[in-house]
Amino acid sequence: MSITANITGLGHKGEGIAEIDGGKVFVPLSLPGETVEIERDGERGHLIGVLEPAPNRIEPFCPHFGSCGGCQLQHMDRPSYEAFKTGLVETPLGFAGIDAKISRFIDAAGDGRRRATLHARREGAGYMRLRSHQVHDIDACPILVPALVRAPEIARAVMDAIGEADVSFTASLSGLDVAIRTEKKQARADRVMPLVQHFKLARLALNGEMVLQTQAPLIQMGRAQVELPIGSFLQATGTAENILADYVLGAVGKSKSVADLFCGIGPFALRLAERRPVSAFDSDKPAIAALDKARRFTKGLREVTAKTRDLFRDPLTRFELPFEAVVLDPPRAGAEAQVREIVKSKVERVVMIACDARTFARDAAILVTEGFTLTDLQAVDQFTQSTHIEIAATFRR
């Protein structure tokens, strides 16, 4: 049975909040100030219709919005959108006891996302439906770079060849890099091999193993070109990577010795090395190997020391941190163990790039409590129309 509800707030997942019978009900696709008709299932509400829209509601630009779960915020005007995403960063910091405001909100969508993972299922190929484990079939995705325009078609071809799978795409300088993941133990590489020629792929991998490569997938990072390892991390948009790298270069200033921790394939280390020696660490062995190879084949770089190290279980100790500046770009879990060693060291400057606001706030609180000051805070919006935001921050002792 449907009920009428008033939306009074917005949760951190971008869902409208209605107060019903003394409890909160979360309603996707609704906005504060709206009167809506919903079907309630406990704390969840399914939007049937908007009876009185909010003044900041706009028409979504994608015909799949509302069914596809890939985007959550296309119905929100720009000022409200930026305010919501700013709150995603500032609110956890406030809870951690840090009164800090974002100094700059940067649109980093660029030409679109160069990476995407589509789910290939019997019902089609696309992203998961909103609040569902069912796939919403799409013909195109407007937030992807033009090079990924055939991604849904390729995912459906994978389904036809070997059955249900998750198909990850990366647009590289040398063509599409496609990595297939499937739970089918008997999935045969020869069944998907024809896709390389048919779709002119640079590389195709199946469950982490290369099936066929016509060209090494290359990513430009400053002067260097890096061969992308299978399944390796890469910023979602090239524009965001450039913006974040410029931020890091500016934030380390004239520091003569720099460590790049959680360095990945080297988007920061390789650019930093154009001006100074850099020590780079990450637990991902293929990423470190790719960084080291790029360093060896790029002219004009200063010394880059790239080492494999699990910074969660084995962080650099205070005695191993003889650096003026440290760059941190941890995964969503943050860098708590490493930060606790940094505060015991003589490091003067920490530049942090973070993809999770809550773990960032936790790590920032450790730095601030132990004598660092948060001197700059910026939001870099590469996951547009979603509830994710990238954070760039500088701390000085």
Protein backbone atom coordinates (compact mmCIF):
# COMPACT_ATOMS: atom_id res chain seq x y z
CA MET A 1 0.00 0.00 0.00
CA SER A 2 1.35 3.42 -0.94
CA ILE A 3 1.67 6.31 1.49
CA THR A 4 2.37 10.03 1.20
CA ALA A 5 5.56 11.30 2.84
CA ASN A 6 7.51 14.54 3.20
CA ILE A 7 11.25 14.41 2.51
CA THR A 8 13.09 16.38 5.19
CA GLY A 9 16.74 15.55 4.60
CA LEU A 10 19.32 13.78 2.45
CA GLY A 11 21.47 10.85 3.58
CA HIS A 12 25.12 10.31 2.68
CA LYS A 13 24.06 7.81 0.00
CA GLY A 14 22.04 10.52 -1.75
CA GLU A 15 18.71 9.13 -0.57
CA GLY A 16 15.92 11.36 0.67
CA ILE A 17 14.94 10.92 4.33
CA ALA A 18 11.31 10.84 5.48
CA GLU A 19 10.25 10.74 9.14
CA ILE A 20 7.43 8.20 9.42
CA ASP A 21 6.00 6.85 12.68
CA GLY A 22 9.05 8.06 14.60
CA GLY A 23 11.54 6.33 12.30
CA LYS A 24 13.64 7.25 9.27
CA VAL A 25 12.74 5.92 5.85
CA PHE A 26 15.29 6.30 3.05
CA VAL A 27 13.84 7.08 -0.37
CA PRO A 28 16.19 7.06 -3.39
CA LEU A 29 15.62 9.65 -6.16
CA SER A 30 13.84 12.09 -3.82
CA LEU A 31 14.98 15.50 -2.56
CA PRO A 32 14.47 17.51 0.65
CA GLY A 33 11.32 19.62 0.55
CA GLU A 34 9.41 17.21 -1.68
CA THR A 35 6.10 15.52 -1.04
CA VAL A 36 6.25 12.03 -2.49
CA GLU A 37 4.22 8.88 -2.83
CA ILE A 38 6.14 5.80 -1.72
CA GLU A 39 5.82 2.15 -0.86
CA ARG A 40 7.48 1.43 2.46
CA ASP A 41 9.45 -1.66 3.40
CA GLY A 42 10.89 -1.00 6.85
CA GLU A 43 13.62 1.64 6.54
CA ARG A 44 13.41 1.56 2.76
CA GLY A 45 11.04 3.49 0.60
CA HIS A 46 10.33 2.93 -3.09
CA LEU A 47 9.45 6.13 -4.92
CA ILE A 48 6.21 5.82 -6.85
CA GLY A 49 5.82 9.47 -7.76
CA VAL A 50 6.73 13.04 -6.82
CA LEU A 51 3.58 14.94 -5.82
CA GLU A 52 5.28 18.26 -5.04
CA PRO A 53 8.81 18.58 -6.51
CA ALA A 54 11.57 20.58 -4.86
CA PRO A 55 12.74 23.72 -6.73
CA ASN A 56 16.21 22.20 -7.16
CA ARG A 57 14.93 19.10 -9.02
CA ILE A 58 16.09 18.91 -12.63
CA GLU A 59 15.53 16.51 -15.52
CA PRO A 60 18.14 13.70 -15.58
CA PHE A 61 20.30 13.66 -18.71
CA CYS A 62 20.38 9.84 -19.00
CA PRO A 63 17.28 7.85 -20.00
CA HIS A 64 18.45 4.98 -17.76
CA PHE A 65 18.54 7.11 -14.59
CA GLY A 66 16.22 5.78 -11.92
CA SER A 67 16.48 2.19 -13.09
CA CYS A 68 20.24 1.89 -13.46
CA GLY A 69 22.05 2.10 -10.14
CA GLY A 70 25.24 3.57 -11.60
CA CYS A 71 24.26 7.18 -10.82
CA GLN A 72 22.37 8.56 -7.84
CA LEU A 73 22.33 12.36 -8.26
CA GLN A 74 21.28 13.32 -11.80
CA HIS A 75 17.99 14.79 -10.51
CA MET A 76 19.76 17.46 -8.42
CA ASP A 77 20.73 20.94 -9.70
CA ARG A 78 24.38 22.01 -9.68
CA PRO A 79 24.44 24.17 -6.51
CA SER A 80 22.67 21.45 -4.51
CA TYR A 81 24.92 18.79 -6.00
CA GLU A 82 28.11 20.60 -5.00
CA ALA A 83 26.74 21.39 -1.54
CA PHE A 84 25.85 17.71 -1.00
CA LYS A 85 29.28 16.49 -2.06
CA THR A 86 31.02 19.17 -0.02
CA GLY A 87 29.08 17.92 3.01
CA LEU A 88 30.31 14.38 2.35
CA VAL A 89 33.82 15.63 3.17
CA GLU A 90 33.21 18.32 5.78
CA THR A 91 30.71 16.42 7.95
CA PRO A 92 32.98 13.47 8.86
CA LEU A 93 35.78 15.94 9.60
CA GLY A 94 33.46 17.79 11.96
CA PHE A 95 32.60 14.55 13.75
CA ALA A 96 36.36 13.94 14.09
CA GLY A 97 36.79 17.35 15.73
CA ILE A 98 38.28 19.16 12.74
CA ASP A 99 36.61 22.39 11.65
CA ALA A 100 37.73 22.59 8.02
CA LYS A 101 36.07 23.87 4.87
CA ILE A 102 36.68 22.89 1.27
CA SER A 103 38.54 25.72 -0.43
CA ARG A 104 37.90 24.52 -3.97
CA PHE A 105 35.43 22.14 -5.63
CA ILE A 106 36.81 20.87 -8.94
CA ASP A 107 34.80 19.22 -11.70
CA ALA A 108 37.10 16.43 -12.92
CA ALA A 109 34.71 14.59 -15.23
CA GLY A 110 36.72 15.57 -18.32
CA ASP A 111 35.65 13.54 -21.35
CA GLY A 112 34.18 10.90 -19.04
CA ARG A 113 35.35 7.89 -17.11
CA ARG A 114 38.05 5.88 -18.81
CA ARG A 115 37.29 2.85 -16.64
CA ALA A 116 34.08 0.90 -16.12
CA THR A 117 32.94 -2.56 -15.08
CA LEU A 118 29.78 -3.90 -16.68
CA HIS A 119 27.94 -6.99 -15.50
CA ALA A 120 27.06 -9.42 -18.29
CA ARG A 121 24.03 -11.50 -17.34
CA ARG A 122 21.18 -13.29 -19.10
CA GLU A 123 19.00 -10.19 -18.68
CA GLY A 124 21.57 -8.03 -20.49
CA ALA A 125 24.75 -6.05 -19.89
CA GLY A 126 25.07 -2.96 -17.74
CA TYR A 127 25.20 -1.83 -14.12
CA MET A 128 23.19 -3.24 -11.25
CA ARG A 129 19.70 -1.88 -10.83
CA LEU A 130 19.00 0.45 -7.94
CA ARG A 131 18.92 -1.58 -4.68
CA SER A 132 19.08 -4.83 -6.61
CA HIS A 133 21.32 -7.67 -7.68
CA GLN A 134 19.66 -7.66 -11.09
CA VAL A 135 21.37 -6.04 -14.05
CA HIS A 136 19.83 -3.11 -15.90
CA ASP A 137 20.57 -3.58 -19.59
CA ILE A 138 22.00 -0.46 -21.24
CA ASP A 139 22.72 0.50 -24.82
CA ALA A 140 25.15 3.28 -23.88
CA CYS A 141 26.50 5.12 -20.83
CA PRO A 142 26.88 8.91 -21.21
CA ILE A 143 29.40 9.27 -18.36
CA LEU A 144 32.03 7.12 -20.13
CA VAL A 145 34.70 8.34 -22.57
CA PRO A 146 33.81 7.92 -26.26
CA ALA A 147 36.38 5.11 -26.55
CA LEU A 148 34.11 2.95 -24.36
CA VAL A 149 31.01 3.42 -26.49
CA ARG A 150 31.00 -0.28 -27.46
CA ALA A 151 31.46 -1.54 -23.89
CA PRO A 152 27.87 -2.86 -23.55
CA GLU A 153 28.17 -4.63 -26.90
CA ILE A 154 31.47 -6.23 -25.88
CA ALA A 155 30.02 -7.33 -22.53
CA ARG A 156 27.08 -9.00 -24.31
CA ALA A 157 29.54 -10.76 -26.63
CA VAL A 158 31.37 -12.09 -23.55
CA MET A 159 28.06 -13.41 -22.21
CA ASP A 160 27.37 -15.17 -25.50
CA ALA A 161 30.85 -16.72 -25.49
CA ILE A 162 31.29 -17.97 -21.91
CA GLY A 163 28.18 -17.05 -19.92
CA GLU A 164 27.73 -14.67 -17.00
CA ALA A 165 30.75 -12.53 -16.14
CA ASP A 166 31.91 -9.13 -14.95
CA VAL A 167 33.75 -7.25 -17.68
CA SER A 168 36.14 -4.40 -16.83
CA PHE A 169 37.19 -1.86 -19.44
CA THR A 170 40.04 0.64 -19.54
CA ALA A 171 40.59 3.08 -22.40
CA SER A 172 44.35 3.32 -22.91
CA LEU A 173 46.55 5.16 -25.42
CA SER A 174 46.91 1.95 -27.41
CA GLY A 175 43.30 0.76 -27.33
CA LEU A 176 40.83 -0.99 -25.05
CA ASP A 177 42.09 -3.15 -22.21
CA VAL A 178 39.39 -5.69 -21.27
CA ALA A 179 39.51 -7.96 -18.22
CA ILE A 180 36.86 -10.65 -17.69
CA ARG A 181 35.98 -12.18 -14.33
CA THR A 182 33.78 -15.25 -14.12
CA GLU A 183 33.01 -17.87 -11.48
CA LYS A 184 32.77 -20.57 -14.13
CA LYS A 185 35.76 -22.84 -13.56
CA GLN A 186 35.53 -24.24 -17.05
CA ALA A 187 35.52 -20.88 -18.85
CA ARG A 188 37.69 -21.35 -21.93
CA ALA A 189 40.02 -18.65 -23.17
CA ASP A 190 39.65 -19.79 -26.76
CA ARG A 191 35.94 -18.90 -26.63
CA VAL A 192 36.69 -15.22 -25.98
CA MET A 193 39.88 -14.93 -28.05
CA PRO A 194 38.00 -13.95 -31.27
CA LEU A 195 36.73 -10.83 -29.46
CA VAL A 196 40.22 -9.32 -29.64
CA GLN A 197 40.21 -9.11 -33.42
CA HIS A 198 36.49 -8.42 -33.78
CA PHE A 199 36.54 -5.40 -31.43
CA LYS A 200 40.20 -4.46 -32.08
CA LEU A 201 41.19 -4.77 -28.43
CA ALA A 202 44.67 -3.98 -27.15
CA ARG A 203 44.50 -6.74 -24.55
CA LEU A 204 42.07 -9.33 -23.23
CA ALA A 205 42.40 -11.11 -19.89
CA LEU A 206 40.34 -13.85 -18.27
CA ASN A 207 40.37 -14.27 -14.47
CA GLY A 208 43.64 -12.37 -14.16
CA GLU A 209 45.45 -14.26 -16.91
CA MET A 210 46.21 -12.71 -20.30
CA VAL A 211 44.35 -14.30 -23.20
CA LEU A 212 45.81 -12.21 -26.01
CA GLN A 213 47.60 -8.88 -26.38
CA THR A 214 48.03 -7.01 -29.64
CA GLN A 215 49.50 -3.91 -28.01
CA ALA A 216 50.52 -3.16 -24.44
CA PRO A 217 47.89 -0.87 -22.84
CA LEU A 218 49.76 2.39 -22.18
CA ILE A 219 48.88 5.27 -19.87
CA GLN A 220 50.65 8.64 -20.08
CA MET A 221 51.93 9.93 -16.74
CA GLY A 222 53.89 13.14 -17.17
CA ARG A 223 56.85 12.35 -19.42
CA ALA A 224 56.48 8.63 -18.80
CA GLN A 225 54.32 5.99 -20.43
CA VAL A 226 53.29 3.15 -18.14
CA GLU A 227 52.23 -0.33 -19.22
CA LEU A 228 49.06 -0.99 -17.27
CA PRO A 229 49.15 -4.32 -15.38
CA ILE A 230 46.05 -6.51 -15.52
CA GLY A 231 43.60 -5.36 -12.87
CA SER A 232 45.79 -2.53 -11.62
CA PHE A 233 44.32 0.61 -10.01
CA LEU A 234 43.93 3.74 -12.14
CA GLN A 235 42.09 7.00 -11.47
CA ALA A 236 38.63 6.92 -13.05
CA THR A 237 39.23 9.90 -15.34
CA GLY A 238 42.41 11.15 -16.97
CA THR A 239 41.42 14.70 -16.04
CA ALA A 240 41.24 13.78 -12.35
CA GLU A 241 44.66 12.14 -12.48
CA ASN A 242 46.18 15.29 -13.98
CA ILE A 243 44.42 17.55 -11.46
CA LEU A 244 45.51 15.40 -8.51
CA ALA A 245 49.07 15.16 -9.82
CA ASP A 246 49.26 18.95 -10.22
CA TYR A 247 47.95 19.29 -6.68
CA VAL A 248 50.60 16.92 -5.32
CA LEU A 249 53.39 18.72 -7.20
CA GLY A 250 52.27 22.06 -5.83
CA ALA A 251 51.66 20.82 -2.30
CA VAL A 252 55.09 19.24 -1.81
CA GLY A 253 56.56 22.59 -2.82
CA LYS A 254 60.33 22.70 -2.75
CA SER A 255 60.72 19.57 -0.63
CA LYS A 256 63.94 17.89 -1.72
CA SER A 257 63.13 14.40 -0.44
CA VAL A 258 59.71 12.84 -1.02
CA ALA A 259 58.14 9.45 -0.34
CA ASP A 260 55.12 8.34 -2.36
CA LEU A 261 53.22 5.78 -0.27
CA PHE A 262 50.49 3.61 -1.81
CA CYS A 263 52.06 4.76 -5.09
CA GLY A 264 50.34 2.29 -7.45
CA ILE A 265 51.76 2.47 -10.97
CA GLY A 266 53.25 5.88 -10.28
CA PRO A 267 50.92 8.72 -11.33
CA PHE A 268 52.52 10.94 -8.68
CA ALA A 269 55.97 9.36 -8.29
CA LEU A 270 56.83 9.63 -11.99
CA ARG A 271 55.81 13.28 -12.16
CA LEU A 272 57.57 14.12 -8.89
CA ALA A 273 60.73 12.47 -10.23
CA GLU A 274 60.93 15.04 -13.02
CA ARG A 275 62.21 17.44 -10.32
CA ARG A 276 63.59 15.39 -7.39
CA PRO A 277 64.47 11.88 -6.22
CA VAL A 278 61.45 9.86 -5.05
CA SER A 279 61.02 6.73 -2.96
CA ALA A 280 57.82 4.86 -3.87
CA PHE A 281 56.12 2.00 -2.00
CA ASP A 282 53.06 -0.18 -2.65
CA SER A 283 51.93 -3.74 -1.90
CA ASP A 284 50.95 -4.36 -5.55
CA LYS A 285 53.95 -6.17 -7.11
CA PRO A 286 52.83 -5.79 -10.76
CA ALA A 287 52.20 -2.08 -10.17
CA ILE A 288 55.68 -1.58 -8.71
CA ALA A 289 57.18 -3.51 -11.64
CA ALA A 290 55.30 -1.30 -14.11
CA LEU A 291 56.46 1.84 -12.33
CA ASP A 292 60.07 0.66 -12.29
CA LYS A 293 59.96 -0.22 -16.00
CA ALA A 294 58.49 3.19 -16.87
CA ARG A 295 61.22 4.84 -14.81
CA ARG A 296 63.95 2.96 -16.67
CA PHE A 297 62.58 3.86 -20.11
CA THR A 298 61.85 7.55 -19.44
CA LYS A 299 64.59 10.09 -20.02
CA GLY A 300 65.18 13.03 -17.75
CA LEU A 301 63.90 11.58 -14.48
CA ARG A 302 65.70 11.81 -11.17
CA GLU A 303 66.22 8.64 -9.17
CA VAL A 304 63.07 6.63 -8.40
CA THR A 305 63.32 3.86 -5.83
CA ALA A 306 60.26 1.60 -6.17
CA LYS A 307 59.73 -1.14 -3.61
CA THR A 308 56.97 -3.61 -2.79
CA ARG A 309 55.72 -3.24 0.78
CA ASP A 310 52.44 -3.85 2.58
CA LEU A 311 51.95 -0.50 4.30
CA PHE A 312 48.95 -1.80 6.26
CA ARG A 313 50.81 -4.63 7.99
CA ASP A 314 54.32 -3.26 7.65
CA PRO A 315 54.25 0.55 7.50
CA LEU A 316 57.47 2.52 7.16
CA THR A 317 58.67 3.23 10.69
CA ARG A 318 59.71 6.64 11.97
CA PHE A 319 63.32 5.57 11.36
CA GLU A 320 62.57 4.84 7.70
CA LEU A 321 61.02 8.23 7.03
CA PRO A 322 63.94 10.64 6.47
CA PHE A 323 61.79 12.68 4.08
CA GLU A 324 60.73 16.30 4.07
CA ALA A 325 57.37 15.39 2.51
CA VAL A 326 55.21 12.28 2.26
CA VAL A 327 52.47 11.70 -0.30
CA LEU A 328 49.69 9.31 0.73
CA ASP A 329 47.12 7.89 -1.71
CA PRO A 330 45.60 4.97 0.19
CA PRO A 331 42.61 2.81 -0.81
CA ARG A 332 39.26 3.18 0.96
CA ALA A 333 40.60 1.61 4.16
CA GLY A 334 42.81 4.66 4.65
CA ALA A 335 46.33 4.73 6.04
CA GLU A 336 45.97 4.59 9.82
CA ALA A 337 48.98 2.39 10.57
CA GLN A 338 51.23 4.45 8.33
CA VAL A 339 49.95 7.77 9.66
CA ARG A 340 50.71 6.68 13.22
CA GLU A 341 54.33 6.20 12.21
CA ILE A 342 54.49 9.48 10.30
CA VAL A 343 53.48 11.50 13.34
CA LYS A 344 56.42 9.99 15.26
CA SER A 345 58.87 10.93 12.50
CA LYS A 346 60.38 14.27 11.47
CA VAL A 347 58.34 14.55 8.29
CA GLU A 348 57.24 18.18 7.94
CA ARG A 349 54.58 17.90 5.25
CA VAL A 350 51.94 15.30 4.37
CA VAL A 351 49.93 15.45 1.15
CA MET A 352 46.97 13.10 1.19
CA ILE A 353 44.78 11.99 -1.68
CA ALA A 354 41.80 10.09 -0.32
CA CYS A 355 38.77 8.37 -1.82
CA ASP A 356 36.85 7.72 1.40
CA ALA A 357 35.78 10.69 3.52
CA ARG A 358 35.34 8.73 6.75
CA THR A 359 38.74 7.06 6.82
CA PHE A 360 40.27 10.34 5.66
CA ALA A 361 38.70 12.11 8.65
CA ARG A 362 40.06 9.43 10.98
CA ASP A 363 43.59 9.73 9.59
CA ALA A 364 43.41 13.53 9.49
CA ALA A 365 42.43 13.57 13.19
CA ILE A 366 45.55 11.55 14.06
CA LEU A 367 47.76 14.02 12.20
CA VAL A 368 46.10 17.07 13.73
CA THR A 369 46.14 15.65 17.26
CA GLU A 370 49.87 14.98 16.94
CA GLY A 371 50.87 18.46 15.82
CA PHE A 372 50.00 18.82 12.14
CA THR A 373 47.73 21.54 10.76
CA LEU A 374 45.33 20.95 7.89
CA THR A 375 46.32 23.88 5.66
CA ASP A 376 44.40 23.07 2.49
CA LEU A 377 41.37 20.96 1.58
CA GLN A 378 39.97 20.45 -1.93
CA ALA A 379 37.31 18.22 -3.46
CA VAL A 380 37.99 16.62 -6.84
CA ASP A 381 34.79 15.31 -8.42
CA GLN A 382 35.68 12.53 -10.86
CA PHE A 383 32.85 10.16 -9.92
CA THR A 384 30.22 12.58 -11.15
CA GLN A 385 26.53 11.88 -10.42
CA SER A 386 27.56 9.39 -7.73
CA THR A 387 28.00 9.70 -3.97
CA HIS A 388 31.80 9.30 -4.19
CA ILE A 389 34.21 12.22 -3.93
CA GLU A 390 38.02 12.45 -4.09
CA ILE A 391 39.82 14.51 -1.46
CA ALA A 392 43.12 16.39 -1.78
CA ALA A 393 44.59 17.78 1.42
CA THR A 394 47.84 19.22 2.77
CA PHE A 395 49.06 18.92 6.37
CA ARG A 396 52.04 20.81 7.80
CA ARG A 397 53.72 20.20 11.10
